[in-house]
Protein backbone atom coordinates (compact mmCIF):
# COMPACT_ATOMS: atom_id res chain seq x y z
CA MET A 1 9.03 -16.19 -19.88
CA PRO A 2 10.64 -13.03 -18.46
CA LEU A 3 12.54 -13.34 -15.22
CA GLY A 4 12.02 -17.09 -15.23
CA LEU A 5 8.26 -16.82 -14.66
CA SER A 6 5.75 -19.02 -16.43
CA THR A 7 2.09 -18.81 -17.27
CA ARG A 8 1.48 -21.49 -14.65
CA ASP A 9 2.45 -18.89 -12.03
CA ASP A 10 -0.26 -16.57 -13.39
CA PRO A 11 -2.85 -18.31 -15.60
CA GLY A 12 -4.63 -15.00 -16.17
CA ILE A 13 -1.76 -13.86 -18.35
CA LEU A 14 -3.22 -15.93 -21.24
CA ARG A 15 -6.61 -14.22 -21.15
CA LEU A 16 -7.01 -12.30 -24.40
CA GLY A 17 -10.40 -10.75 -23.76
CA ARG A 18 -8.92 -7.28 -23.44
CA GLY A 19 -7.01 -5.45 -26.11
CA GLU A 20 -3.47 -4.22 -25.48
CA LYS A 21 -1.83 -0.89 -26.21
CA PRO A 22 1.63 -0.68 -27.77
CA SER A 23 4.40 0.68 -25.60
CA ALA A 24 6.23 3.87 -26.48
CA LEU A 25 9.20 1.85 -27.72
CA GLU A 26 6.95 -0.29 -29.92
CA ARG A 27 5.28 2.81 -31.37
CA ILE A 28 8.62 4.33 -32.27
CA ALA A 29 9.91 1.09 -33.80
CA LEU A 30 6.75 0.50 -35.85
CA LEU A 31 6.63 4.09 -37.08
CA ALA A 32 10.29 3.90 -38.08
CA ILE A 33 9.69 0.68 -40.04
CA ILE A 34 6.60 2.13 -41.74
CA VAL A 35 8.44 5.31 -42.72
CA ILE A 36 11.32 3.29 -44.16
CA LEU A 37 8.99 1.02 -46.13
CA LEU A 38 6.94 3.97 -47.42
CA ALA A 39 10.16 5.68 -48.48
CA LEU A 40 11.24 2.54 -50.32
CA ASP A 41 7.81 2.28 -51.99
CA VAL A 42 7.98 5.89 -53.16
CA ILE A 43 11.55 5.52 -54.38
CA SER A 44 10.60 2.32 -56.19
CA ALA A 45 7.64 4.05 -57.81
CA PHE A 46 9.93 6.66 -59.33
CA THR A 47 12.87 4.41 -60.17
CA THR A 48 10.78 1.74 -61.95
CA PRO A 49 8.53 3.70 -64.32
CA ASP A 50 7.67 0.55 -66.24
CA LEU A 51 5.88 -0.87 -63.14
CA ALA A 52 2.08 -0.58 -63.32
CA VAL A 53 0.39 2.10 -61.22
CA VAL A 54 -1.98 -0.27 -59.43
CA PRO A 55 0.74 -2.41 -57.79
CA LYS A 56 2.49 0.78 -56.68
CA VAL A 57 -0.68 2.12 -55.08
CA PHE A 58 -1.45 -1.19 -53.38
CA SER A 59 2.08 -1.46 -52.01
CA ILE A 60 1.91 2.03 -50.50
CA ALA A 61 -1.62 1.43 -49.17
CA THR A 62 -0.65 -1.89 -47.59
CA THR A 63 2.31 -0.30 -45.81
CA ALA A 64 0.22 2.68 -44.65
CA VAL A 65 -2.42 0.36 -43.15
CA PHE A 66 0.12 -0.88 -40.61
CA ALA A 67 0.21 2.62 -39.07
CA ALA A 68 -3.41 2.17 -38.01
CA TYR A 69 -2.33 -0.57 -35.57
CA LEU A 70 -0.92 2.18 -33.37
CA TRP A 71 -4.44 3.49 -32.72
CA SER A 72 -6.92 0.70 -33.40
CA PRO A 73 -5.95 -2.92 -34.13
CA THR A 74 -9.56 -3.70 -35.13
CA VAL A 75 -9.74 -0.93 -37.73
CA ALA A 76 -6.26 -1.75 -39.01
CA THR A 77 -7.09 -5.45 -39.44
CA LEU A 78 -10.34 -4.62 -41.27
CA LEU A 79 -8.50 -2.24 -43.60
CA LEU A 80 -5.86 -4.89 -44.21
CA GLY A 81 -8.62 -7.37 -45.04
CA VAL A 82 -10.09 -4.93 -47.53
CA VAL A 83 -6.69 -4.40 -49.19
CA LEU A 84 -6.16 -8.18 -49.30
CA ALA A 85 -9.57 -8.76 -50.90
CA LEU A 86 -8.98 -6.06 -53.51
CA SER A 87 -5.52 -7.45 -54.23
CA PHE A 88 -7.05 -10.55 -55.81
CA VAL A 89 -8.82 -8.28 -58.29
CA ALA A 90 -5.76 -6.11 -58.87
CA ASP A 91 -3.40 -9.09 -59.27
CA THR A 92 -1.28 -8.08 -56.26
CA ALA A 93 -2.30 -10.93 -53.95
CA VAL A 94 1.23 -12.24 -53.33
CA ALA A 95 2.47 -8.99 -51.75
CA ALA A 96 -0.81 -8.56 -49.83
CA LEU A 97 -0.62 -12.11 -48.46
CA LEU A 98 2.93 -11.51 -47.27
CA ALA A 99 1.90 -8.29 -45.52
CA THR A 100 -1.10 -10.04 -43.95
CA ALA A 101 1.10 -12.88 -42.68
CA VAL A 102 3.49 -10.38 -41.09
CA ALA A 103 0.51 -8.57 -39.50
CA ALA A 104 -0.16 -11.69 -37.41
CA GLY A 105 2.43 -10.43 -34.93
CA LEU A 106 0.59 -7.14 -34.44
CA VAL A 107 -2.79 -8.86 -34.14
CA LEU A 108 -1.52 -11.31 -31.50
CA ARG A 109 0.28 -8.49 -29.67
CA LEU A 110 -2.54 -5.95 -29.57
CA GLY A 111 -5.87 -7.55 -30.50
CA ARG A 112 -8.77 -8.99 -28.51
CA PHE A 113 -9.54 -12.68 -28.66
CA ALA A 114 -12.44 -12.09 -31.10
CA LEU A 115 -10.18 -10.09 -33.40
CA ILE A 116 -7.52 -12.81 -33.31
CA LEU A 117 -10.07 -15.46 -34.31
CA THR A 118 -11.44 -13.24 -37.07
CA TYR A 119 -7.96 -12.56 -38.41
CA ALA A 120 -6.99 -16.25 -38.34
CA ALA A 121 -10.17 -17.29 -40.14
CA GLY A 122 -9.80 -14.56 -42.80
CA PHE A 123 -6.14 -15.30 -43.36
CA LEU A 124 -6.73 -19.03 -43.78
CA VAL A 125 -9.55 -18.34 -46.26
CA ALA A 126 -7.30 -15.95 -48.20
CA VAL A 127 -4.47 -18.50 -48.31
CA ALA A 128 -6.89 -21.22 -49.46
CA ILE A 129 -8.23 -18.98 -52.23
CA ALA A 130 -4.69 -18.12 -53.32
CA ALA A 131 -3.85 -21.84 -53.46
CA PHE A 132 -6.72 -22.69 -55.83
CA VAL A 133 -7.12 -19.47 -57.80
CA GLU A 134 -4.57 -18.22 -60.28
CA VAL A 135 -2.99 -15.02 -58.92
CA ASP A 136 -0.18 -12.72 -59.97
CA GLY A 137 2.62 -15.13 -59.11
CA PRO A 138 3.49 -18.50 -57.60
CA VAL A 139 1.93 -19.12 -54.18
CA ASN A 140 3.56 -21.40 -51.63
CA VAL A 141 0.89 -21.80 -48.97
CA GLY A 142 3.30 -23.30 -46.46
CA THR A 143 5.60 -20.27 -46.64
CA TYR A 144 2.83 -17.83 -45.71
CA LEU A 145 1.61 -20.09 -42.93
CA VAL A 146 5.12 -20.35 -41.49
CA ILE A 147 5.60 -16.56 -41.68
CA ALA A 148 2.25 -15.96 -39.98
CA THR A 149 3.02 -18.55 -37.29
CA VAL A 150 6.44 -17.10 -36.49
CA SER A 151 5.16 -13.52 -36.54
CA GLY A 152 2.19 -14.45 -34.34
CA ALA A 153 4.46 -16.26 -31.88
CA VAL A 154 6.70 -13.20 -31.60
CA GLY A 155 3.69 -10.95 -31.05
CA PHE A 156 2.18 -13.28 -28.45
CA THR A 157 5.51 -13.56 -26.62
CA LEU A 158 5.78 -9.78 -26.50
CA ARG A 159 2.22 -9.58 -25.21
CA ILE A 160 2.98 -11.98 -22.36
CA ALA A 161 6.24 -10.20 -21.57
CA PHE A 162 4.63 -6.76 -21.37
CA ALA A 163 1.71 -8.10 -19.31
CA ARG A 164 4.13 -9.74 -16.91
CA GLY A 165 6.15 -6.53 -16.75
CA ARG A 166 3.05 -4.51 -15.83
CA LYS A 167 2.16 -7.06 -13.18
CA LEU A 168 5.64 -6.85 -11.68
CA GLU A 169 5.53 -3.05 -11.72
CA HIS A 170 2.18 -3.18 -9.91
CA GLU A 171 3.58 -5.60 -7.34
CA LEU A 172 6.64 -3.40 -6.81
CA ALA A 173 4.40 -0.36 -6.35
CA GLU A 174 2.28 -2.25 -3.82
CA SER A 175 5.40 -3.42 -2.01
CA ALA A 176 6.76 0.12 -1.87
CA GLU A 177 3.43 1.38 -0.50
CA GLN A 178 3.39 -1.37 2.14
CA GLU A 179 6.92 -0.44 3.18
CA ARG A 180 5.91 3.21 3.39
CA GLN A 181 2.89 2.37 5.53
CA ALA A 182 5.06 0.16 7.75
CA VAL A 183 7.51 3.04 8.29
CA LEU A 184 4.64 5.41 9.11
CA ALA A 185 3.15 2.86 11.51
CA GLU A 186 6.50 2.44 13.25
CA ARG A 187 6.88 6.19 13.55
CA ARG A 188 3.40 6.48 15.06
CA TRP A 189 4.24 3.64 17.44
CA ILE A 190 7.47 5.30 18.57
CA ALA A 191 5.67 8.63 19.04
CA GLY A 192 2.98 6.89 21.09
CA GLU A 193 5.51 5.09 23.25
CA LEU A 194 7.39 8.32 23.89
CA HIS A 195 4.17 10.08 24.78
CA ASP A 196 3.01 7.31 27.11
CA SER A 197 6.29 7.10 29.02
CA ILE A 198 8.60 10.09 28.62
CA ALA A 199 5.83 12.71 28.76
CA HIS A 200 4.65 11.35 32.09
CA HIS A 201 8.07 11.64 33.73
CA LEU A 202 8.68 15.09 32.26
CA THR A 203 5.36 16.20 33.72
CA VAL A 204 6.51 15.01 37.15
CA VAL A 205 9.81 16.90 36.71
CA ALA A 206 8.05 20.10 35.60
CA LEU A 207 5.62 19.93 38.52
CA HIS A 208 8.30 19.46 41.17
CA VAL A 209 10.59 22.11 39.69
CA GLN A 210 7.89 24.60 40.61
CA MET A 211 7.98 23.31 44.21
CA LEU A 212 11.75 23.67 44.72
CA ASP A 213 11.32 27.18 46.16
CA GLU A 214 9.22 25.80 49.01
CA PRO A 215 11.61 24.78 51.81
CA ALA A 216 9.23 22.18 53.21
CA ALA A 217 8.89 20.38 49.89
CA SER A 218 12.33 21.05 48.42
CA THR A 219 13.96 17.80 49.52
CA GLU A 220 11.02 15.66 48.42
CA SER A 221 10.83 17.50 45.10
CA GLN A 222 14.53 16.95 44.43
CA GLU A 223 14.11 13.23 45.07
CA ALA A 224 11.01 13.09 42.87
CA ILE A 225 12.86 14.87 40.06
CA ARG A 226 15.81 12.49 40.37
CA VAL A 227 13.55 9.41 40.26
CA ALA A 228 11.48 10.74 37.36
CA ALA A 229 14.61 11.59 35.37
CA ARG A 230 16.04 8.12 35.95
CA LYS A 231 12.79 6.48 34.85
CA ALA A 232 12.59 8.73 31.80
CA MET A 233 16.07 7.63 30.75
CA ALA A 234 15.15 3.98 31.26
CA ASP A 235 11.97 4.34 29.22
CA LEU A 236 13.81 6.21 26.48
CA ARG A 237 16.40 3.44 26.31
CA PHE A 238 13.57 0.90 26.11
CA VAL A 239 11.91 2.68 23.19
CA ILE A 240 15.24 3.01 21.36
CA GLU A 241 15.94 -0.70 21.82
CA LEU A 242 12.53 -1.60 20.47
CA ALA A 243 12.92 0.74 17.50
CA ASP A 244 16.35 -0.72 16.69
CA ASP A 245 15.08 -4.27 17.26
CA GLY A 246 18.16 -4.72 19.40
CA PRO A 247 18.76 -6.87 22.49
CA ARG A 248 16.25 -6.46 25.25
CA SER A 249 17.53 -5.35 28.63
CA SER A 250 16.41 -6.99 31.85
CA GLY A 251 15.06 -3.69 33.19
CA MET A 252 12.38 -3.23 30.57
CA PRO A 253 9.05 -1.75 31.66
CA THR A 254 6.30 -4.33 31.90
CA GLY A 255 2.54 -4.20 32.02
CA ASP A 256 2.35 -4.89 35.78
CA LEU A 257 -0.81 -3.12 36.93
CA GLY A 258 0.03 -3.29 40.63
CA GLU A 259 3.41 -1.62 40.11
CA ALA A 260 1.85 1.02 37.87
CA ILE A 261 -0.71 1.90 40.54
CA ASP A 262 1.95 1.97 43.28
CA GLU A 263 4.10 4.30 41.16
CA ALA A 264 1.15 6.54 40.34
CA GLU A 265 0.09 6.64 43.99
CA GLY A 266 3.53 7.82 45.07
CA GLU A 267 3.74 10.52 42.41
CA ILE A 268 0.19 11.79 42.93
CA ASP A 269 0.58 11.78 46.71
CA ALA A 270 3.86 13.69 46.41
CA ALA A 271 1.99 16.33 44.41
CA GLY A 272 -0.42 16.84 47.34
CA HIS A 273 -3.34 14.61 46.33
CA PRO A 274 -4.36 11.79 48.69
CA VAL A 275 -4.96 8.56 46.80
CA VAL A 276 -7.78 6.17 47.63
CA ILE A 277 -7.45 2.69 46.10
CA ASP A 278 -10.44 0.37 46.03
CA GLY A 279 -10.15 -3.18 44.74
CA ASP A 280 -7.20 -5.48 44.14
CA PRO A 281 -5.09 -4.51 41.09
CA ARG A 282 -3.07 -7.72 41.58
CA ASP A 283 -6.07 -10.00 41.25
CA GLU A 284 -4.90 -13.07 39.30
CA ARG A 285 -8.17 -13.20 37.38
CA ILE A 286 -7.27 -10.06 35.42
CA PRO A 287 -6.26 -11.11 31.88
CA ARG A 288 -2.75 -10.20 30.79
CA VAL A 289 -4.06 -7.97 27.99
CA ALA A 290 -6.28 -6.09 30.41
CA GLU A 291 -3.41 -5.71 32.87
CA ILE A 292 -1.16 -4.16 30.22
CA VAL A 293 -3.87 -1.79 28.97
CA PHE A 294 -4.88 -0.78 32.52
CA ALA A 295 -1.25 -0.11 33.43
CA ARG A 296 -0.96 2.27 30.50
CA ILE A 297 -4.20 4.01 31.47
CA VAL A 298 -3.04 4.43 35.06
CA ARG A 299 0.22 6.02 33.91
CA GLU A 300 -1.48 8.35 31.43
CA SER A 301 -4.16 9.28 33.97
CA ALA A 302 -1.47 10.05 36.53
CA THR A 303 0.13 12.41 34.01
CA ASN A 304 -3.17 14.19 33.46
CA ILE A 305 -3.89 14.37 37.18
CA LEU A 306 -0.49 15.94 37.85
CA LYS A 307 -1.17 18.47 35.11
CA HIS A 308 -4.79 19.38 35.68
CA ALA A 309 -6.34 18.06 38.91
CA GLY A 310 -7.62 20.46 41.53
CA PRO A 311 -7.26 20.04 45.31
CA GLY A 312 -8.71 16.86 46.74
CA PRO A 313 -8.36 13.08 46.78
CA VAL A 314 -7.86 10.82 43.74
CA GLU A 315 -9.80 7.57 43.59
CA ILE A 316 -8.63 4.42 41.80
CA HIS A 317 -11.28 1.72 41.71
CA MET A 318 -10.89 -1.83 40.38
CA GLU A 319 -13.95 -4.00 39.84
CA ILE A 320 -13.72 -7.59 38.61
CA ASP A 321 -16.53 -10.03 37.84
CA ASP A 322 -17.00 -13.06 35.63
CA ASP A 323 -17.55 -10.99 32.50
CA ALA A 324 -15.21 -8.03 32.66
CA ALA A 325 -12.57 -6.09 34.56
CA THR A 326 -13.26 -2.40 35.06
CA LEU A 327 -10.83 0.35 36.03
CA THR A 328 -12.21 3.71 37.17
CA ILE A 329 -10.03 6.71 38.05
CA ARG A 330 -11.61 9.87 39.48
CA SER A 331 -9.82 13.14 40.18
CA PRO A 332 -11.04 16.56 41.37
CA LEU A 333 -11.62 19.24 38.78
CA PRO A 334 -9.40 22.36 38.94
CA ALA A 335 -10.89 25.67 39.93
CA THR A 336 -9.10 27.29 36.96
CA PRO A 337 -7.32 25.57 34.04
CA ARG A 338 -3.53 25.40 34.33
CA ARG A 339 -1.57 27.08 31.54
CA ASP A 340 1.96 26.23 32.64
CA LEU A 341 1.55 22.51 31.80
CA PRO A 342 -0.14 22.40 28.40
CA SER A 343 -1.87 19.29 27.06
CA SER A 344 -2.22 18.10 23.46
CA GLY A 345 -5.12 15.71 24.14
CA THR A 346 -3.13 12.83 22.67
CA GLY A 347 -3.29 10.84 25.90
CA LEU A 348 -7.05 10.37 25.87
CA THR A 349 -6.93 9.29 22.24
CA ARG A 350 -4.18 6.77 22.96
CA MET A 351 -6.10 5.35 25.94
CA ALA A 352 -9.26 4.98 23.89
CA GLU A 353 -7.35 3.29 21.05
CA ARG A 354 -5.79 0.77 23.43
CA VAL A 355 -9.09 -0.12 25.11
CA ILE A 356 -11.12 -0.33 21.90
CA GLY A 357 -8.32 -2.32 20.26
CA ALA A 358 -8.70 -4.88 23.07
CA SER A 359 -12.49 -5.11 22.43
CA GLY A 360 -13.30 -3.02 25.48
CA GLU A 361 -15.26 0.11 26.37
CA PHE A 362 -13.74 3.48 27.24
CA SER A 363 -15.11 6.79 28.49
CA ALA A 364 -13.58 9.95 29.85
CA GLY A 365 -15.26 13.13 30.99
CA VAL A 366 -16.84 15.06 33.83
CA VAL A 367 -19.03 12.92 36.12
CA GLU A 368 -20.50 14.40 39.31
CA ASP A 369 -18.08 17.32 39.64
CA ALA A 370 -15.02 15.11 39.02
CA TRP A 371 -13.00 14.01 36.04
CA GLN A 372 -13.54 10.31 35.48
CA VAL A 373 -11.69 7.84 33.28
CA ARG A 374 -13.36 4.45 32.94
CA ALA A 375 -12.13 1.40 31.00
CA ARG A 376 -13.91 -1.92 30.83
CA LEU A 377 -12.25 -4.97 29.25
CA PRO A 378 -13.65 -8.48 28.80
CA MET A 379 -12.26 -11.32 30.88
CA SER A 380 -11.59 -13.47 27.83
């Protein structure tokens, strides 16, 4: 078997219910052999004028029949059977039997199971008739059987080899597609991580840059910019380490919900929005998955609030019961949309994907003159 594989690795390789098609190399080789044989038949017809016309015609016809295997093994085998049957009448059975024995390779290589059985039965009948009926020359039944067996074995081996080759090509194509999808998934993951972390800190920087001209807020804005830049560098380093599958640093961001809310509270309050927190974000009953997802939502919501919220307080509400943990974040709507801090809308999509991926419920939109983000995740 090719590449050391066996039919035990793939039993389906022996199923002969479907016909095969010759490869381009096989077509070229068979056509070359047919052309050579036809040329020899024609040359022989002219160089041996004493040879009867009928044997010449049958020799050329027998060789030409093999060309039909390139298009239809069934038609070719039937035509070969007709030539073999007529050869007994025309006293050319010996040459026809030899050609039919050689054709076993093509039948086993290209034919369906029914065609193979039909060929085998017809060939055995023809050999039996030749053994008991006087034909145009001596007939050694064993010789034709050996030729047919060897030819058939070669054809069957080629059939298995080509089938295995197609299977390997298919597996390689599937493997290449899986690798491509894995690369695309990793790229999407990196883009999402950058959006969830770096974009938030850059929003804080952009917001406080606009406040540097105000003397009262200049010092606080400078500190906020410095802190946001440091966190952005840390998060960028974290994403690069994950992408490179390198060693993990001890300062990696975690999914601590309490820390995420404390950080968001400081940033939102520094931007001039009082923050009202209701509920305990450090409740030990909150599942780890929910804590990680909620921490991401708090960070993304803080980014959106810094970009778009109007004057007024921001409310962060945690509700926990036996069935689910619910996080609700409400922020005032702006009087007019801000154009200096554009939004792509990716954040809401990412939040929804995280919540739904954890078998939760997510909603975001205007509720009672405020923008509300609500995520509900099961306790188990």
